[in-house]
PDB file of N, CA and C in Angstrom:
ATOM      1  N   MET A   1      82.896  97.102 135.338  1.00  0.00           N
ATOM      2  CA  MET A   1      81.770  96.367 136.133  1.00  0.00           C
ATOM      3  C   MET A   1      81.930  95.298 136.532  1.00  0.00           C
ATOM      4  N   VAL A   2      83.915  94.909 136.522  1.00  0.00           N
ATOM      5  CA  VAL A   2      84.060  93.546 136.976  1.00  0.00           C
ATOM      6  C   VAL A   2      85.545  94.450 137.909  1.00  0.00           C
ATOM      7  N   TYR A   3      86.114  95.399 137.954  1.00  0.00           N
ATOM      8  CA  TYR A   3      87.349  95.764 138.846  1.00  0.00           C
ATOM      9  C   TYR A   3      86.591  96.147 140.240  1.00  0.00           C
ATOM     10  N   PHE A   4      85.232  96.730 140.566  1.00  0.00           N
ATOM     11  CA  PHE A   4      84.963  97.165 141.611  1.00  0.00           C
ATOM     12  C   PHE A   4      84.698  95.636 142.231  1.00  0.00           C
ATOM     13  N   PRO A   5      84.077  94.380 142.046  1.00  0.00           N
ATOM     14  CA  PRO A   5      83.486  93.547 143.252  1.00  0.00           C
ATOM     15  C   PRO A   5      84.720  92.355 143.182  1.00  0.00           C
ATOM     16  N   ARG A   6      85.640  93.059 142.426  1.00  0.00           N
ATOM     17  CA  ARG A   6      87.423  92.038 142.576  1.00  0.00           C
ATOM     18  C   ARG A   6      87.612  92.540 143.491  1.00  0.00           C
ATOM     19  N   LYS A   7      87.766  94.504 143.733  1.00  0.00           N
ATOM     20  CA  LYS A   7      88.805  94.975 143.878  1.00  0.00           C
ATOM     21  C   LYS A   7      87.765  95.218 146.009  1.00  0.00           C
ATOM     22  N   VAL A   8      86.138  95.244 145.795  1.00  0.00           N
ATOM     23  CA  VAL A   8      86.209  95.230 146.909  1.00  0.00           C
ATOM     24  C   VAL A   8      84.939  94.206 147.448  1.00  0.00           C
ATOM     25  N   ILE A   9      86.431  92.792 147.750  1.00  0.00           N
ATOM     26  CA  ILE A   9      85.222  91.335 147.686  1.00  0.00           C
ATOM     27  C   ILE A   9      84.591  91.767 148.835  1.00  0.00           C
ATOM     28  N   TRP A  10      84.373  92.706 150.040  1.00  0.00           N
ATOM     29  CA  TRP A  10      83.675  92.232 150.767  1.00  0.00           C
ATOM     30  C   TRP A  10      81.899  92.719 150.819  1.00  0.00           C
ATOM     31  N   MET A  11      82.230  93.084 149.052  1.00  0.00           N
ATOM     32  CA  MET A  11      80.718  93.442 148.834  1.00  0.00           C
ATOM     33  C   MET A  11      79.278  92.724 147.747  1.00  0.00           C
ATOM     34  N   VAL A  12      80.818  91.296 147.071  1.00  0.00           N
ATOM     35  CA  VAL A  12      80.304  90.659 146.595  1.00  0.00           C
ATOM     36  C   VAL A  12      80.955  89.195 146.724  1.00  0.00           C
ATOM     37  N   PRO A  13      81.055  88.551 147.584  1.00  0.00           N
ATOM     38  CA  PRO A  13      82.072  87.710 148.428  1.00  0.00           C
ATOM     39  C   PRO A  13      82.058  86.283 147.316  1.00  0.00           C
ATOM     40  N   GLY A  14      83.492  85.998 147.118  1.00  0.00           N
ATOM     41  CA  GLY A  14      83.304  84.908 146.169  1.00  0.00           C
ATOM     42  C   GLY A  14      83.078  85.118 144.666  1.00  0.00           C
ATOM     43  N   PHE A  15      83.344  86.649 144.653  1.00  0.00           N
ATOM     44  CA  PHE A  15      83.480  86.967 143.266  1.00  0.00           C
ATOM     45  C   PHE A  15      83.841  87.049 142.144  1.00  0.00           C
ATOM     46  N   THR A  16      83.777  85.871 141.541  1.00  0.00           N
ATOM     47  CA  THR A  16      84.734  85.101 139.671  1.00  0.00           C
ATOM     48  C   THR A  16      83.980  85.806 138.460  1.00  0.00           C
ATOM     49  N   VAL A  17      84.735  86.326 137.611  1.00  0.00           N
ATOM     50  CA  VAL A  17      84.505  86.264 136.140  1.00  0.00           C
ATOM     51  C   VAL A  17      83.896  85.108 135.575  1.00  0.00           C
ATOM     52  N   GLU A  18      84.596  84.249 135.916  1.00  0.00           N
ATOM     53  CA  GLU A  18      84.171  83.281 135.506  1.00  0.00           C
ATOM     54  C   GLU A  18      82.470  82.469 136.290  1.00  0.00           C
ATOM     55  N   ALA A  19      82.544  83.202 137.628  1.00  0.00           N
ATOM     56  CA  ALA A  19      81.083  82.680 137.977  1.00  0.00           C
ATOM     57  C   ALA A  19      80.085  83.055 137.290  1.00  0.00           C
ATOM     58  N   HIS A  20      80.750  84.375 137.158  1.00  0.00           N
ATOM     59  CA  HIS A  20      79.494  85.483 136.544  1.00  0.00           C
ATOM     60  C   HIS A  20      79.112  86.158 134.722  1.00  0.00           C
ATOM     61  N   ARG A  21      79.774  85.188 134.823  1.00  0.00           N
ATOM     62  CA  ARG A  21      80.128  85.697 132.421  1.00  0.00           C
ATOM     63  C   ARG A  21      78.570  85.735 132.311  1.00  0.00           C
ATOM     64  N   ASP A  22      78.091  85.070 132.299  1.00  0.00           N
ATOM     65  CA  ASP A  22      76.668  84.916 131.743  1.00  0.00           C
ATOM     66  C   ASP A  22      76.207  86.037 131.957  1.00  0.00           C
ATOM     67  N   ARG A  23      76.119  86.377 133.284  1.00  0.00           N
ATOM     68  CA  ARG A  23      75.335  87.766 133.437  1.00  0.00           C
ATOM     69  C   ARG A  23      76.277  88.734 133.205  1.00  0.00           C
ATOM     70  N   LEU A  24      77.069  89.252 133.192  1.00  0.00           N
ATOM     71  CA  LEU A  24      78.226  90.452 133.286  1.00  0.00           C
ATOM     72  C   LEU A  24      77.987  90.287 131.109  1.00  0.00           C
ATOM     73  N   ARG A  25      78.290  89.513 130.351  1.00  0.00           N
ATOM     74  CA  ARG A  25      77.145  89.607 129.361  1.00  0.00           C
ATOM     75  C   ARG A  25      76.772  90.141 129.132  1.00  0.00           C
ATOM     76  N   GLU A  26      75.128  89.563 130.011  1.00  0.00           N
ATOM     77  CA  GLU A  26      74.149  90.752 129.982  1.00  0.00           C
ATOM     78  C   GLU A  26      74.226  91.961 130.245  1.00  0.00           C
ATOM     79  N   LEU A  27      74.845  92.353 131.409  1.00  0.00           N
ATOM     80  CA  LEU A  27      74.882  93.144 131.950  1.00  0.00           C
ATOM     81  C   LEU A  27      75.710  94.370 130.551  1.00  0.00           C
ATOM     82  N   ASP A  28      76.750  94.205 130.199  1.00  0.00           N
ATOM     83  CA  ASP A  28      77.689  94.479 129.117  1.00  0.00           C
ATOM     84  C   ASP A  28      76.522  94.949 128.044  1.00  0.00           C
ATOM     85  N   GLU A  29      75.725  93.986 126.833  1.00  0.00           N
ATOM     86  CA  GLU A  29      75.147  94.220 126.144  1.00  0.00           C
ATOM     87  C   GLU A  29      73.962  95.320 126.632  1.00  0.00           C
ATOM     88  N   GLN A  30      73.954  95.392 127.895  1.00  0.00           N
ATOM     89  CA  GLN A  30      71.861  96.997 127.788  1.00  0.00           C
ATOM     90  C   GLN A  30      73.371  97.414 128.431  1.00  0.00           C
ATOM     91  N   ILE A  31      74.545  98.031 128.769  1.00  0.00           N
ATOM     92  CA  ILE A  31      75.011  98.508 128.765  1.00  0.00           C
ATOM     93  C   ILE A  31      75.143  99.973 127.565  1.00  0.00           C
ATOM     94  N   ARG A  32      75.764  98.955 126.460  1.00  0.00           N
ATOM     95  CA  ARG A  32      75.899  99.130 125.138  1.00  0.00           C
ATOM     96  C   ARG A  32      74.855  99.252 124.382  1.00  0.00           C
ATOM     97  N   ALA A  33      73.048  99.041 125.541  1.00  0.00           N
ATOM     98  CA  ALA A  33      72.334  99.694 124.319  1.00  0.00           C
ATOM     99  C   ALA A  33      71.656 100.581 125.232  1.00  0.00           C
ATOM    100  N   ASP A  34      71.642 100.879 125.869  1.00  0.00           N
ATOM    101  CA  ASP A  34      70.912 101.222 127.199  1.00  0.00           C
ATOM    102  C   ASP A  34      71.712 102.586 127.841  1.00  0.00           C
ATOM    103  N   GLY A  35      73.111 102.668 127.587  1.00  0.00           N
ATOM    104  CA  GLY A  35      73.922 103.421 128.065  1.00  0.00           C
ATOM    105  C   GLY A  35      74.643 103.236 129.654  1.00  0.00           C
ATOM    106  N   PRO A  36      74.598 104.416 130.504  1.00  0.00           N
ATOM    107  CA  PRO A  36      75.966 103.528 131.375  1.00  0.00           C
ATOM    108  C   PRO A  36      74.910 103.214 132.934  1.00  0.00           C
ATOM    109  N   PHE A  37      75.774 101.911 133.828  1.00  0.00           N
ATOM    110  CA  PHE A  37      75.027 101.316 134.365  1.00  0.00           C
ATOM    111  C   PHE A  37      75.095 102.991 135.853  1.00  0.00           C
ATOM    112  N   VAL A  38      74.030 102.447 136.453  1.00  0.00           N
ATOM    113  CA  VAL A  38      74.034 103.494 137.552  1.00  0.00           C
ATOM    114  C   VAL A  38      74.030 102.624 139.139  1.00  0.00           C
ATOM    115  N   ALA A  39      75.215 102.749 139.561  1.00  0.00           N
ATOM    116  CA  ALA A  39      74.698 101.957 141.284  1.00  0.00           C
ATOM    117  C   ALA A  39      74.834 102.546 142.364  1.00  0.00           C
ATOM    118  N   HIS A  40      73.417 102.590 143.153  1.00  0.00           N
ATOM    119  CA  HIS A  40      74.238 102.979 144.543  1.00  0.00           C
ATOM    120  C   HIS A  40      74.868 102.593 145.562  1.00  0.00           C
ATOM    121  N   SER A  41      74.618 103.317 146.987  1.00  0.00           N
ATOM    122  CA  SER A  41      74.965 101.944 148.178  1.00  0.00           C
ATOM    123  C   SER A  41      74.890 103.507 148.906  1.00  0.00           C
ATOM    124  N   ALA A  42      74.768 102.499 150.290  1.00  0.00           N
ATOM    125  CA  ALA A  42      74.824 103.484 151.656  1.00  0.00           C
ATOM    126  C   ALA A  42      75.933 103.297 152.251  1.00  0.00           C
ATOM    127  N   ARG A  43      76.630 103.856 153.221  1.00  0.00           N
ATOM    128  CA  ARG A  43      77.518 103.485 154.340  1.00  0.00           C
ATOM    129  C   ARG A  43      77.161 104.132 155.341  1.00  0.00           C
ATOM    130  N   THR A  44      77.031 103.639 156.305  1.00  0.00           N
ATOM    131  CA  THR A  44      77.290 104.159 158.247  1.00  0.00           C
ATOM    132  C   THR A  44      78.443 104.551 158.877  1.00  0.00           C
ATOM    133  N   LEU A  45      78.986 105.435 159.009  1.00  0.00           N
ATOM    134  CA  LEU A  45      80.459 105.710 160.098  1.00  0.00           C
ATOM    135  C   LEU A  45      80.178 105.211 161.221  1.00  0.00           C
ATOM    136  N   ILE A  46      80.160 104.332 162.468  1.00  0.00           N
ATOM    137  CA  ILE A  46      80.355 103.980 163.355  1.00  0.00           C
ATOM    138  C   ILE A  46      81.419 104.589 164.509  1.00  0.00           C
ATOM    139  N   GLU A  47      81.362 105.858 165.170  1.00  0.00           N
ATOM    140  CA  GLU A  47      82.057 105.681 166.139  1.00  0.00           C
ATOM    141  C   GLU A  47      82.197 105.498 167.148  1.00  0.00           C
ATOM    142  N   ALA A  48      83.353 104.923 167.951  1.00  0.00           N
ATOM    143  CA  ALA A  48      82.594 104.631 169.391  1.00  0.00           C
ATOM    144  C   ALA A  48      84.088 104.700 170.405  1.00  0.00           C
ATOM    145  N   THR A  49      83.610 104.987 171.612  1.00  0.00           N
ATOM    146  CA  THR A  49      84.656 105.480 172.537  1.00  0.00           C
ATOM    147  C   THR A  49      84.641 104.683 173.535  1.00  0.00           C
ATOM    148  N   LYS A  50      85.620 104.696 174.452  1.00  0.00           N
ATOM    149  CA  LYS A  50      85.320 103.713 175.933  1.00  0.00           C
ATOM    150  C   LYS A  50      85.019 105.552 177.003  1.00  0.00           C
ATOM    151  N   PRO A  51      83.772 104.801 177.558  1.00  0.00           N
ATOM    152  CA  PRO A  51      83.324 105.779 178.268  1.00  0.00           C
ATOM    153  C   PRO A  51      84.573 106.132 179.574  1.00  0.00           C
TER     154      PRO A  51
END
């Protein structure tokens, strides 16, 4: 869970493990108890050309 927000900084601006340590620990406990963490995101590609 830490790798993604550290590498894709525009998705979670200002992300640091230190700042989010408590919530990350809670998420780790949830994953260990309930199984995988699933997240979904949508993307839009806009292609523009000069007329």
